[in-house]
N, C-alpha and C. Protein backbone atom coordinates (compact mmCIF):
# COMPACT_ATOMS: atom_id res chain seq x y z
N MET A 1 -98.32 42.13 83.44
CA MET A 1 -97.58 43.34 82.70
C MET A 1 -97.28 42.95 81.17
N SER A 2 -97.72 41.74 80.82
CA SER A 2 -97.61 41.32 79.33
C SER A 2 -98.39 42.34 78.44
N SER A 3 -99.32 42.98 78.87
CA SER A 3 -100.12 43.78 78.01
C SER A 3 -99.53 45.23 77.75
N LEU A 4 -98.45 45.42 78.36
CA LEU A 4 -97.84 46.66 78.18
C LEU A 4 -97.17 46.68 76.77
N PRO A 5 -97.19 47.86 76.08
CA PRO A 5 -96.41 47.80 74.71
C PRO A 5 -94.99 48.04 74.90
N THR A 6 -94.28 47.77 73.89
CA THR A 6 -92.88 48.00 73.80
C THR A 6 -92.65 49.48 73.87
N LEU A 7 -91.77 50.01 74.84
CA LEU A 7 -91.50 51.42 74.93
C LEU A 7 -90.21 51.76 74.19
N THR A 8 -90.35 52.83 73.49
CA THR A 8 -89.14 53.29 72.63
C THR A 8 -88.76 54.77 73.13
N ASN A 9 -87.56 55.04 72.90
CA ASN A 9 -86.93 56.43 73.20
C ASN A 9 -87.55 57.34 72.11
N ASP A 10 -87.76 56.93 70.82
CA ASP A 10 -88.21 57.72 69.76
C ASP A 10 -89.61 58.46 70.17
N LEU A 11 -90.45 57.81 71.06
CA LEU A 11 -91.69 58.35 71.39
C LEU A 11 -91.62 59.18 72.73
N GLY A 12 -90.47 59.23 73.28
CA GLY A 12 -90.33 59.90 74.45
C GLY A 12 -90.91 59.10 75.65
N LEU A 13 -91.07 57.85 75.49
CA LEU A 13 -91.76 56.96 76.60
C LEU A 13 -90.76 56.47 77.49
N SER A 14 -89.48 56.30 77.05
CA SER A 14 -88.40 55.57 77.78
C SER A 14 -87.05 56.39 77.66
N ARG A 15 -86.42 56.35 78.87
CA ARG A 15 -85.16 56.96 78.92
C ARG A 15 -84.05 55.89 79.14
N VAL A 16 -84.31 54.62 78.91
CA VAL A 16 -83.32 53.50 79.01
C VAL A 16 -82.20 53.66 78.13
N PRO A 17 -81.00 53.60 78.64
CA PRO A 17 -79.82 53.78 77.69
C PRO A 17 -79.81 52.69 76.62
N ALA A 18 -79.43 53.07 75.44
CA ALA A 18 -79.29 52.03 74.36
C ALA A 18 -78.12 51.11 74.47
N ASP A 19 -77.16 51.37 75.10
CA ASP A 19 -75.92 50.56 75.26
C ASP A 19 -75.06 51.01 76.47
N PRO A 20 -74.16 50.26 76.69
CA PRO A 20 -73.30 50.59 78.12
C PRO A 20 -72.64 51.90 78.04
N ILE A 21 -72.24 52.36 76.82
CA ILE A 21 -71.63 53.65 76.79
C ILE A 21 -72.64 54.69 77.04
N GLU A 22 -73.83 54.61 76.47
CA GLU A 22 -74.81 55.63 76.83
C GLU A 22 -75.25 55.61 78.29
N ALA A 23 -75.19 54.34 78.85
CA ALA A 23 -75.54 54.31 80.21
C ALA A 23 -74.45 54.92 81.10
N LEU A 24 -73.17 54.79 80.77
CA LEU A 24 -72.21 55.46 81.49
C LEU A 24 -72.36 56.89 81.30
N ARG A 25 -72.68 57.41 80.13
CA ARG A 25 -72.75 58.96 79.89
C ARG A 25 -73.93 59.42 80.82
N LYS A 26 -75.00 58.67 80.81
CA LYS A 26 -76.10 59.31 81.56
C LYS A 26 -75.95 59.21 83.11
N ARG A 27 -75.18 58.18 83.58
CA ARG A 27 -74.77 58.18 84.99
C ARG A 27 -73.92 59.34 85.34
N MET A 28 -72.98 59.42 84.53
CA MET A 28 -72.17 60.71 84.74
C MET A 28 -72.91 61.96 84.61
N ASP A 29 -73.88 62.09 83.76
CA ASP A 29 -74.66 63.44 83.71
C ASP A 29 -75.43 63.40 84.99
N TRP A 30 -76.01 62.43 85.72
CA TRP A 30 -76.50 62.46 87.03
C TRP A 30 -75.62 62.85 88.17
N ASP A 31 -74.47 62.27 88.06
CA ASP A 31 -73.40 62.64 89.02
C ASP A 31 -73.14 64.19 89.00
N ARG A 32 -73.05 64.81 87.79
CA ARG A 32 -72.85 66.17 87.71
C ARG A 32 -74.07 66.92 88.20
N PHE A 33 -75.26 66.42 88.04
CA PHE A 33 -76.42 67.04 88.35
C PHE A 33 -76.43 66.99 89.90
N TYR A 34 -76.09 66.12 90.66
CA TYR A 34 -76.11 66.06 92.01
C TYR A 34 -74.95 66.81 92.78
N CYS A 35 -73.91 67.05 91.94
CA CYS A 35 -72.78 67.92 92.35
C CYS A 35 -73.03 69.35 92.32
N ALA A 36 -74.15 69.74 91.70
CA ALA A 36 -74.50 71.24 91.64
C ALA A 36 -75.09 71.64 92.96
N PRO A 37 -74.76 72.90 93.43
CA PRO A 37 -75.25 73.39 94.79
C PRO A 37 -76.68 73.40 94.90
N HIS A 38 -77.44 73.76 93.92
CA HIS A 38 -78.84 73.85 94.01
C HIS A 38 -79.59 73.27 92.67
N PRO A 39 -79.46 72.09 92.45
CA PRO A 39 -80.07 71.56 91.20
C PRO A 39 -81.63 71.74 91.16
N GLN A 40 -82.13 72.11 90.07
CA GLN A 40 -83.65 72.26 89.92
C GLN A 40 -84.32 70.86 89.53
N GLU A 41 -85.15 70.45 90.36
CA GLU A 41 -85.83 69.19 90.15
C GLU A 41 -87.19 69.65 89.44
N ASN A 42 -87.66 68.83 88.62
CA ASN A 42 -88.85 69.20 87.85
C ASN A 42 -90.27 68.96 88.63
N LEU A 43 -90.05 68.25 89.77
CA LEU A 43 -91.23 68.15 90.58
C LEU A 43 -90.72 67.99 92.02
N PRO A 44 -90.57 68.92 92.80
CA PRO A 44 -90.22 68.90 94.11
C PRO A 44 -91.24 68.29 94.98
N PHE A 45 -90.72 67.61 96.03
CA PHE A 45 -91.59 66.84 96.86
C PHE A 45 -92.34 67.87 97.82
N THR A 46 -93.64 67.78 97.96
CA THR A 46 -94.35 68.74 98.66
C THR A 46 -95.31 68.12 99.80
N LYS A 47 -95.88 68.89 100.59
CA LYS A 47 -96.77 68.48 101.63
C LYS A 47 -97.96 67.87 100.93
N LEU A 48 -98.54 68.40 99.84
CA LEU A 48 -99.64 67.89 99.05
C LEU A 48 -99.34 66.39 98.62
N GLU A 49 -98.14 66.18 98.18
CA GLU A 49 -97.83 64.82 97.90
C GLU A 49 -97.76 63.88 99.05
N LEU A 50 -97.19 64.30 100.14
CA LEU A 50 -97.08 63.60 101.43
C LEU A 50 -98.46 63.35 101.91
N GLU A 51 -99.49 64.17 101.83
CA GLU A 51 -100.75 63.99 102.18
C GLU A 51 -101.44 62.89 101.36
N GLY A 52 -101.04 62.78 100.06
CA GLY A 52 -101.51 61.74 99.16
C GLY A 52 -101.09 60.44 99.52
N ILE A 53 -99.74 60.38 99.87
CA ILE A 53 -99.17 59.18 100.52
C ILE A 53 -99.80 58.57 101.70
N ARG A 54 -100.00 59.53 102.61
CA ARG A 54 -100.59 59.20 103.84
C ARG A 54 -101.95 58.48 103.63
N ARG A 55 -102.78 59.07 102.76
CA ARG A 55 -104.23 58.84 102.29
C ARG A 55 -104.19 57.35 101.52
N HIS A 56 -103.35 57.28 100.58
CA HIS A 56 -103.56 56.29 99.61
C HIS A 56 -102.56 55.11 99.76
N VAL A 57 -101.32 55.38 100.37
CA VAL A 57 -100.24 54.36 100.42
C VAL A 57 -99.96 53.74 101.73
N LEU A 58 -99.88 54.50 102.84
CA LEU A 58 -99.58 54.11 104.14
C LEU A 58 -100.68 53.45 104.82
N GLY A 59 -100.40 52.38 105.44
CA GLY A 59 -101.41 51.57 106.22
C GLY A 59 -101.00 51.10 107.57
N ALA A 60 -101.94 50.75 108.42
CA ALA A 60 -101.48 50.31 109.60
C ALA A 60 -100.58 49.05 109.65
N GLY A 61 -99.57 48.94 110.43
CA GLY A 61 -98.63 47.80 110.52
C GLY A 61 -97.59 47.85 109.63
N MET A 62 -97.55 48.85 108.68
CA MET A 62 -96.35 48.96 107.78
C MET A 62 -95.14 49.20 108.41
N LYS A 63 -93.86 48.53 108.05
CA LYS A 63 -92.79 48.53 108.76
C LYS A 63 -91.63 48.92 107.82
N THR A 64 -91.61 48.52 106.45
CA THR A 64 -90.54 48.64 105.64
C THR A 64 -90.84 49.31 104.32
N ALA A 65 -89.76 50.15 103.77
CA ALA A 65 -90.15 50.79 102.54
C ALA A 65 -88.73 50.90 101.77
N VAL A 66 -88.89 50.82 100.48
CA VAL A 66 -87.86 50.95 99.62
C VAL A 66 -88.12 52.09 98.53
N ASP A 67 -87.01 53.01 98.36
CA ASP A 67 -87.27 54.18 97.49
C ASP A 67 -86.30 53.88 96.26
N VAL A 68 -86.77 53.57 95.12
CA VAL A 68 -85.97 53.31 93.98
C VAL A 68 -85.74 54.56 93.10
N GLY A 69 -84.41 55.00 92.97
CA GLY A 69 -84.01 56.14 92.35
C GLY A 69 -84.24 57.38 93.39
N SER A 70 -83.61 57.13 94.58
CA SER A 70 -83.98 57.98 95.75
C SER A 70 -83.37 59.38 95.55
N GLY A 71 -82.33 59.71 94.72
CA GLY A 71 -81.86 60.94 94.56
C GLY A 71 -81.47 61.63 95.71
N TRP A 72 -81.94 62.80 96.04
CA TRP A 72 -81.55 63.54 97.34
C TRP A 72 -81.99 62.84 98.63
N GLY A 73 -83.00 61.86 98.44
CA GLY A 73 -83.49 61.21 99.67
C GLY A 73 -84.70 61.89 100.30
N VAL A 74 -85.32 62.86 99.61
CA VAL A 74 -86.46 63.58 100.34
C VAL A 74 -87.68 62.65 100.50
N LEU A 75 -88.13 61.89 99.43
CA LEU A 75 -89.15 61.04 99.73
C LEU A 75 -88.74 59.93 100.68
N THR A 76 -87.47 59.40 100.49
CA THR A 76 -86.96 58.32 101.32
C THR A 76 -87.13 58.81 102.88
N THR A 77 -86.64 60.00 103.14
CA THR A 77 -86.66 60.48 104.56
C THR A 77 -88.22 60.74 104.92
N ALA A 78 -89.07 61.13 104.02
CA ALA A 78 -90.37 61.21 104.32
C ALA A 78 -91.00 59.98 104.83
N LEU A 79 -90.75 58.94 104.16
CA LEU A 79 -91.30 57.57 104.49
C LEU A 79 -90.61 57.20 105.88
N ALA A 80 -89.29 57.38 106.09
CA ALA A 80 -88.84 57.06 107.41
C ALA A 80 -89.45 57.85 108.54
N ARG A 81 -89.77 59.09 108.29
CA ARG A 81 -90.41 59.83 109.37
C ARG A 81 -91.80 59.42 109.68
N GLU A 82 -92.37 58.70 108.65
CA GLU A 82 -93.69 58.08 108.87
C GLU A 82 -93.66 56.87 109.68
N GLY A 83 -92.34 56.42 110.12
CA GLY A 83 -92.22 55.16 111.02
C GLY A 83 -91.81 54.02 110.24
N LEU A 84 -91.41 54.14 108.93
CA LEU A 84 -91.06 52.90 108.17
C LEU A 84 -89.53 52.76 108.10
N ARG A 85 -89.02 51.61 108.21
CA ARG A 85 -87.61 51.50 108.18
C ARG A 85 -87.24 51.48 106.53
N THR A 86 -86.63 52.60 106.08
CA THR A 86 -86.58 52.91 104.68
C THR A 86 -85.18 52.77 104.01
N THR A 87 -85.05 52.21 102.95
CA THR A 87 -83.79 52.25 102.23
C THR A 87 -83.95 52.88 100.83
N GLY A 88 -83.11 53.83 100.61
CA GLY A 88 -83.13 54.56 99.27
C GLY A 88 -81.93 54.10 98.49
N TYR A 89 -82.23 53.56 97.19
CA TYR A 89 -81.27 53.04 96.16
C TYR A 89 -81.24 54.19 95.02
N ASP A 90 -80.12 54.41 94.59
CA ASP A 90 -79.80 55.31 93.41
C ASP A 90 -78.60 54.85 92.67
N TRP A 91 -78.52 54.81 91.43
CA TRP A 91 -77.32 54.48 90.61
C TRP A 91 -76.29 55.49 90.66
N SER A 92 -76.48 56.78 91.12
CA SER A 92 -75.56 57.73 91.15
C SER A 92 -74.78 57.72 92.60
N PRO A 93 -73.35 57.34 92.61
CA PRO A 93 -72.79 57.38 93.89
C PRO A 93 -72.82 58.82 94.48
N VAL A 94 -72.74 59.74 93.64
CA VAL A 94 -72.82 61.26 94.16
C VAL A 94 -74.08 61.42 95.00
N ALA A 95 -75.23 61.01 94.34
CA ALA A 95 -76.44 61.29 94.95
C ALA A 95 -76.57 60.43 96.23
N VAL A 96 -76.11 59.24 96.35
CA VAL A 96 -76.17 58.52 97.64
C VAL A 96 -75.29 59.20 98.71
N GLU A 97 -74.10 59.65 98.24
CA GLU A 97 -73.19 60.15 99.26
C GLU A 97 -73.77 61.46 99.80
N ARG A 98 -74.42 62.33 98.92
CA ARG A 98 -74.89 63.58 99.43
C ARG A 98 -76.10 63.26 100.15
N ALA A 99 -77.01 62.39 99.90
CA ALA A 99 -78.09 61.93 100.67
C ALA A 99 -77.66 61.48 102.22
N ARG A 100 -76.63 60.64 102.20
CA ARG A 100 -76.23 60.24 103.48
C ARG A 100 -75.58 61.44 104.34
N GLU A 101 -75.00 62.27 103.73
CA GLU A 101 -74.56 63.55 104.39
C GLU A 101 -75.57 64.29 105.00
N PHE A 102 -76.61 64.63 104.04
CA PHE A 102 -77.77 65.55 104.37
C PHE A 102 -78.73 65.14 105.44
N TRP A 103 -78.85 63.69 105.41
CA TRP A 103 -79.84 63.16 106.24
C TRP A 103 -79.20 62.17 107.41
N SER A 104 -77.96 62.56 107.78
CA SER A 104 -77.14 61.80 108.69
C SER A 104 -77.91 61.66 110.11
N ASP A 105 -78.65 62.67 110.39
CA ASP A 105 -79.16 62.62 111.84
C ASP A 105 -80.63 61.84 111.88
N GLU A 106 -81.01 61.47 110.79
CA GLU A 106 -82.32 60.81 110.69
C GLU A 106 -82.26 59.21 111.06
N LYS A 107 -83.40 58.80 111.67
CA LYS A 107 -83.43 57.38 112.14
C LYS A 107 -84.12 56.58 111.02
N ARG A 108 -83.90 55.24 111.12
CA ARG A 108 -84.62 54.23 110.29
C ARG A 108 -84.39 54.58 108.84
N LEU A 109 -83.24 55.00 108.44
CA LEU A 109 -82.92 55.46 107.08
C LEU A 109 -81.56 55.09 106.65
N SER A 110 -81.47 54.54 105.38
CA SER A 110 -80.16 54.30 104.82
C SER A 110 -80.25 54.45 103.30
N PHE A 111 -78.96 54.61 102.68
CA PHE A 111 -78.94 54.90 101.26
C PHE A 111 -77.87 53.92 100.80
N GLU A 112 -78.19 53.41 99.52
CA GLU A 112 -77.26 52.45 98.90
C GLU A 112 -77.07 52.76 97.49
N VAL A 113 -75.97 52.43 96.80
CA VAL A 113 -75.82 52.47 95.36
C VAL A 113 -76.33 51.27 94.75
N HIS A 114 -77.18 51.49 93.78
CA HIS A 114 -77.63 50.13 93.12
C HIS A 114 -78.25 50.55 91.73
N ASP A 115 -77.93 49.86 90.67
CA ASP A 115 -78.44 49.98 89.42
C ASP A 115 -79.57 48.92 89.04
N PHE A 116 -80.73 49.39 89.16
CA PHE A 116 -81.98 48.33 88.91
C PHE A 116 -82.05 47.96 87.41
N LEU A 117 -81.39 48.71 86.53
CA LEU A 117 -81.53 48.47 85.06
C LEU A 117 -80.64 47.37 84.76
N THR A 118 -79.42 47.20 85.18
CA THR A 118 -78.53 46.14 84.72
C THR A 118 -78.20 45.17 85.77
N GLY A 119 -78.36 45.54 87.09
CA GLY A 119 -77.84 44.71 88.10
C GLY A 119 -79.11 43.85 88.60
N ASN A 120 -78.66 42.84 89.33
CA ASN A 120 -79.66 41.82 90.10
C ASN A 120 -80.14 42.70 91.12
N ALA A 121 -81.21 42.23 91.76
CA ALA A 121 -81.89 42.85 92.90
C ALA A 121 -80.97 42.89 94.16
N PRO A 122 -80.97 44.01 94.90
CA PRO A 122 -80.27 43.98 96.16
C PRO A 122 -80.58 42.87 96.99
N ARG A 123 -79.62 42.31 97.64
CA ARG A 123 -79.91 41.21 98.62
C ARG A 123 -81.08 41.32 99.59
N ALA A 124 -81.27 42.50 99.99
CA ALA A 124 -82.31 42.85 100.99
C ALA A 124 -83.68 42.66 100.36
N LEU A 125 -83.82 42.85 99.12
CA LEU A 125 -85.11 42.76 98.33
C LEU A 125 -85.40 41.25 97.96
N VAL A 126 -85.97 40.63 99.05
CA VAL A 126 -86.49 39.27 98.79
C VAL A 126 -88.01 39.27 98.57
N PRO A 127 -88.52 38.27 97.96
CA PRO A 127 -90.00 38.28 97.76
C PRO A 127 -90.79 38.44 99.03
N GLY A 128 -91.79 39.25 98.86
CA GLY A 128 -92.69 39.44 100.00
C GLY A 128 -92.17 40.34 101.21
N SER A 129 -91.10 41.02 101.00
CA SER A 129 -90.44 41.65 102.18
C SER A 129 -90.75 43.16 102.29
N VAL A 130 -91.34 43.71 101.45
CA VAL A 130 -91.55 45.16 101.39
C VAL A 130 -92.98 45.58 101.50
N ASP A 131 -93.23 46.60 102.40
CA ASP A 131 -94.59 47.15 102.48
C ASP A 131 -94.90 48.30 101.48
N VAL A 132 -93.89 49.11 101.22
CA VAL A 132 -94.09 50.16 100.30
C VAL A 132 -92.75 50.19 99.46
N LEU A 133 -93.01 50.16 98.10
CA LEU A 133 -91.92 50.36 97.15
C LEU A 133 -92.24 51.51 96.29
N ALA A 134 -91.44 52.53 96.39
CA ALA A 134 -91.47 53.81 95.82
C ALA A 134 -90.75 53.99 94.55
N CYS A 135 -91.33 54.48 93.49
CA CYS A 135 -90.65 54.60 92.27
C CYS A 135 -91.13 56.04 91.72
N ARG A 136 -90.49 57.00 92.04
CA ARG A 136 -91.05 58.49 91.85
C ARG A 136 -90.17 58.92 90.62
N LEU A 137 -90.74 59.13 89.40
CA LEU A 137 -90.26 59.75 88.23
C LEU A 137 -88.99 58.91 87.78
N VAL A 138 -89.05 57.58 88.01
CA VAL A 138 -87.90 56.82 87.65
C VAL A 138 -88.22 55.67 86.72
N LEU A 139 -89.57 55.31 86.64
CA LEU A 139 -90.01 54.23 85.79
C LEU A 139 -89.51 54.27 84.29
N PRO A 140 -89.55 55.47 83.67
CA PRO A 140 -89.02 55.51 82.29
C PRO A 140 -87.53 55.24 82.08
N TYR A 141 -86.79 55.29 83.17
CA TYR A 141 -85.36 54.97 83.14
C TYR A 141 -85.13 53.46 83.25
N LEU A 142 -86.11 52.67 83.60
CA LEU A 142 -85.96 51.28 83.85
C LEU A 142 -86.67 50.45 82.74
N ASP A 143 -86.39 49.07 82.80
CA ASP A 143 -87.22 48.13 81.95
C ASP A 143 -88.42 48.03 82.66
N VAL A 144 -89.57 48.60 82.12
CA VAL A 144 -90.87 48.71 82.90
C VAL A 144 -91.41 47.29 83.03
N HIS A 145 -91.36 46.38 82.15
CA HIS A 145 -91.81 45.03 82.26
C HIS A 145 -91.05 44.25 83.23
N ARG A 146 -89.79 44.26 83.32
CA ARG A 146 -88.94 43.52 84.30
C ARG A 146 -89.19 44.15 85.61
N PHE A 147 -89.14 45.53 85.79
CA PHE A 147 -89.21 46.11 87.05
C PHE A 147 -90.58 45.93 87.67
N MET A 148 -91.65 46.00 86.87
CA MET A 148 -92.94 45.90 87.61
C MET A 148 -93.26 44.49 87.99
N THR A 149 -92.77 43.57 87.09
CA THR A 149 -92.79 42.15 87.52
C THR A 149 -92.08 41.89 88.85
N ASP A 150 -90.83 42.32 89.00
CA ASP A 150 -90.12 42.39 90.17
C ASP A 150 -90.81 42.94 91.32
N ALA A 151 -91.35 44.12 91.18
CA ALA A 151 -91.98 44.84 92.14
C ALA A 151 -93.20 44.03 92.79
N ARG A 152 -93.84 43.37 91.98
CA ARG A 152 -94.94 42.49 92.43
C ARG A 152 -94.47 41.55 93.40
N ARG A 153 -93.31 40.92 93.08
CA ARG A 153 -92.73 39.88 93.93
C ARG A 153 -92.12 40.48 95.23
N TRP A 154 -91.59 41.67 95.20
CA TRP A 154 -90.97 42.17 96.40
C TRP A 154 -91.92 42.78 97.44
N VAL A 155 -93.02 43.18 97.02
CA VAL A 155 -94.03 43.84 98.00
C VAL A 155 -94.75 42.65 98.64
N LYS A 156 -95.34 42.85 99.71
CA LYS A 156 -96.02 41.75 100.59
C LYS A 156 -97.37 41.59 99.81
N PRO A 157 -97.63 40.28 99.77
CA PRO A 157 -98.95 39.86 99.25
C PRO A 157 -100.13 40.52 99.83
N ARG A 158 -101.08 41.07 99.09
CA ARG A 158 -102.36 41.52 99.46
C ARG A 158 -102.24 42.93 100.17
N THR A 159 -101.13 43.17 100.79
CA THR A 159 -101.12 44.50 101.48
C THR A 159 -99.91 45.41 100.99
N GLY A 160 -99.02 44.82 100.24
CA GLY A 160 -97.97 45.70 99.77
C GLY A 160 -98.31 46.69 98.65
N VAL A 161 -97.69 47.80 98.74
CA VAL A 161 -98.00 48.90 97.85
C VAL A 161 -96.89 49.42 96.98
N VAL A 162 -97.06 49.48 95.63
CA VAL A 162 -96.08 50.25 94.82
C VAL A 162 -96.67 51.57 94.43
N TYR A 163 -95.82 52.56 94.87
CA TYR A 163 -96.08 53.98 94.66
C TYR A 163 -95.42 54.35 93.47
N VAL A 164 -95.92 54.94 92.49
CA VAL A 164 -95.40 55.31 91.18
C VAL A 164 -95.86 56.68 90.85
N VAL A 165 -94.75 57.61 90.52
CA VAL A 165 -95.11 58.93 90.01
C VAL A 165 -94.52 59.04 88.62
N VAL A 166 -95.33 59.52 87.65
CA VAL A 166 -94.84 59.67 86.28
C VAL A 166 -95.52 60.87 85.68
N GLN A 167 -94.74 61.43 84.56
CA GLN A 167 -95.24 62.48 83.84
C GLN A 167 -96.40 61.93 82.90
N VAL A 168 -97.44 62.81 82.64
CA VAL A 168 -98.49 62.42 81.95
C VAL A 168 -98.28 63.02 80.54
N TRP A 169 -98.23 62.23 79.52
CA TRP A 169 -97.80 62.50 78.03
C TRP A 169 -98.72 63.53 77.61
N GLU A 170 -99.95 63.47 77.75
CA GLU A 170 -100.92 64.56 77.17
C GLU A 170 -100.93 65.91 77.82
N GLN A 171 -100.11 65.95 79.00
CA GLN A 171 -100.22 67.34 79.65
C GLN A 171 -98.81 67.99 79.59
N GLN A 172 -97.87 67.33 78.96
CA GLN A 172 -96.50 67.97 78.96
C GLN A 172 -96.39 69.03 77.89
N PRO A 173 -95.78 70.21 78.31
CA PRO A 173 -95.43 71.21 77.31
C PRO A 173 -94.52 70.79 76.30
N ASP A 174 -94.51 71.37 75.18
CA ASP A 174 -93.50 71.09 74.05
C ASP A 174 -92.14 71.23 74.65
N GLY A 175 -91.18 70.27 74.11
CA GLY A 175 -89.94 70.34 74.37
C GLY A 175 -89.49 69.72 75.70
N TYR A 176 -90.47 69.16 76.42
CA TYR A 176 -90.25 68.39 77.69
C TYR A 176 -90.28 66.99 77.53
N PHE A 177 -89.79 66.16 78.43
CA PHE A 177 -89.87 64.81 78.38
C PHE A 177 -91.29 64.43 78.55
N ARG A 178 -91.89 63.57 77.74
CA ARG A 178 -93.35 63.39 77.65
C ARG A 178 -93.96 62.28 78.67
N GLY A 179 -93.03 61.44 79.16
CA GLY A 179 -93.53 60.45 80.12
C GLY A 179 -94.43 59.50 79.41
N TYR A 180 -95.56 58.96 80.11
CA TYR A 180 -96.38 58.12 79.71
C TYR A 180 -97.86 58.50 79.31
N PRO A 181 -98.34 57.91 78.21
CA PRO A 181 -99.72 58.36 77.86
C PRO A 181 -100.77 57.84 78.95
N ASN A 182 -101.99 58.37 79.04
CA ASN A 182 -102.97 57.99 79.99
C ASN A 182 -103.25 56.48 79.81
N GLN A 183 -103.31 56.10 78.58
CA GLN A 183 -103.61 54.73 78.31
C GLN A 183 -102.72 53.72 78.93
N LEU A 184 -101.40 54.03 78.83
CA LEU A 184 -100.45 53.17 79.44
C LEU A 184 -100.38 53.31 80.99
N ILE A 185 -100.65 54.50 81.44
CA ILE A 185 -100.69 54.69 82.94
C ILE A 185 -101.80 53.79 83.50
N GLU A 186 -102.87 53.72 82.84
CA GLU A 186 -104.06 52.91 83.33
C GLU A 186 -103.68 51.43 83.23
N GLN A 187 -102.89 51.17 82.20
CA GLN A 187 -102.41 49.64 82.05
C GLN A 187 -101.61 49.23 83.26
N LEU A 188 -100.85 50.08 83.83
CA LEU A 188 -100.13 49.83 85.00
C LEU A 188 -100.95 49.35 86.14
N ARG A 189 -102.21 49.70 86.13
CA ARG A 189 -103.14 49.52 87.30
C ARG A 189 -103.63 48.05 87.22
N GLU A 190 -103.42 47.37 86.07
CA GLU A 190 -104.15 46.05 85.90
C GLU A 190 -103.30 44.93 86.67
N GLY A 191 -104.01 44.04 87.32
CA GLY A 191 -103.45 42.90 88.16
C GLY A 191 -103.14 43.25 89.46
N TRP A 192 -103.83 44.18 90.01
CA TRP A 192 -103.66 44.59 91.47
C TRP A 192 -105.09 44.36 92.25
N LEU A 193 -105.06 44.13 93.45
CA LEU A 193 -106.42 44.09 94.23
C LEU A 193 -107.00 45.30 94.31
N HIS A 194 -106.29 46.51 94.47
CA HIS A 194 -106.85 47.72 94.63
C HIS A 194 -105.85 48.69 94.09
N THR A 195 -106.28 49.71 93.33
CA THR A 195 -105.45 50.83 92.89
C THR A 195 -106.17 52.32 93.14
N GLU A 196 -105.25 53.21 93.31
CA GLU A 196 -105.79 54.57 93.33
C GLU A 196 -104.92 55.51 92.45
N ARG A 197 -105.44 56.49 91.75
CA ARG A 197 -104.74 57.48 91.00
C ARG A 197 -105.06 58.77 91.35
N TRP A 198 -104.09 59.70 91.59
CA TRP A 198 -104.46 61.12 91.74
C TRP A 198 -103.34 62.17 91.27
N ASP A 199 -103.76 63.35 90.96
CA ASP A 199 -102.80 64.21 90.37
C ASP A 199 -101.98 64.86 91.35
N LEU A 200 -100.74 65.28 91.17
CA LEU A 200 -99.76 65.91 92.08
C LEU A 200 -99.57 67.49 91.81
N ASP A 201 -100.16 67.96 90.77
CA ASP A 201 -100.09 69.40 90.54
C ASP A 201 -101.42 69.90 89.81
N TRP A 202 -101.53 71.28 89.78
CA TRP A 202 -102.78 71.79 89.29
C TRP A 202 -102.98 71.64 87.80
N SER A 203 -101.75 71.62 87.23
CA SER A 203 -101.79 71.31 85.82
C SER A 203 -101.86 70.04 85.14
N THR A 204 -102.05 68.92 86.19
CA THR A 204 -102.19 67.53 85.94
C THR A 204 -100.94 67.05 85.00
N GLU A 205 -99.86 67.63 85.15
CA GLU A 205 -98.67 67.27 84.25
C GLU A 205 -98.10 65.98 84.97
N PHE A 206 -98.30 65.74 86.17
CA PHE A 206 -97.64 64.52 86.94
C PHE A 206 -98.78 63.84 87.81
N THR A 207 -98.75 62.58 87.57
CA THR A 207 -99.88 61.67 88.34
C THR A 207 -99.08 60.69 89.20
N ALA A 208 -99.79 60.19 90.17
CA ALA A 208 -99.35 59.24 91.16
C ALA A 208 -100.38 58.08 91.21
N LEU A 209 -99.74 56.89 91.40
CA LEU A 209 -100.50 55.67 91.37
C LEU A 209 -100.13 54.89 92.77
N ALA A 210 -101.14 54.46 93.45
CA ALA A 210 -100.90 53.42 94.55
C ALA A 210 -101.45 52.10 94.07
N LEU A 211 -100.54 51.18 93.95
CA LEU A 211 -100.91 49.82 93.47
C LEU A 211 -100.75 48.82 94.60
N THR A 212 -101.93 48.28 95.16
CA THR A 212 -101.91 47.60 96.34
C THR A 212 -102.35 46.10 95.98
N GLY A 213 -101.55 45.18 96.54
CA GLY A 213 -101.95 43.75 96.60
C GLY A 213 -101.68 43.11 95.02
N PRO A 214 -100.62 42.85 94.72
CA PRO A 214 -100.41 42.16 93.58
C PRO A 214 -101.04 40.83 93.39
N THR A 215 -101.76 40.70 92.28
CA THR A 215 -102.48 39.33 92.06
C THR A 215 -101.54 38.32 91.33
N GLY A 216 -101.86 37.10 91.72
CA GLY A 216 -100.96 36.06 91.01
C GLY A 216 -99.80 35.69 91.76
N TYR A 217 -99.60 36.29 92.82
CA TYR A 217 -98.34 35.91 93.77
C TYR A 217 -98.72 35.38 95.05
């Protein structure tokens, strides 16, 4: 991951808070978002996305999954329904509380509060312990260098998959968060035994990556 450039908020590449005060403000913004009765997500989870996950991410014998930035827990629950013991982490206590309430009848599923930007890894995330690590529309909120380095350690050697969804810079309408340029998205694919990339919408504004088998670990 050393080939990745430094990401700055000025270019719309990163949403990482500049200081603790901004971090607190952003967390409160997300708490308010999840308090709303029907908040509008910019990319709702669809059957099309699930089909892509089944095709490119899931494999025989997979047992564990982690969803970083789980929000409402829709993707988290979808992975659990595919038979994986899944934990969703979010830095918003409100999001975690609502996800627990909404999906209380589901099996193989749990939600925990955790801040991957400023905190250490959860105790359950030990090297080589995860079959699928999902990061859906969350990577710009994290230190991409640190997180992707950690992700390589957390997933199982050779078979572990990191599932990433991100906005495509070149396809975003004016006034919207731009996400990552295609060049940077392609750089995320370096250092893996196998990768796949596919679009999640007809306008190609959102793209998905399946990064399988970290090299060097």
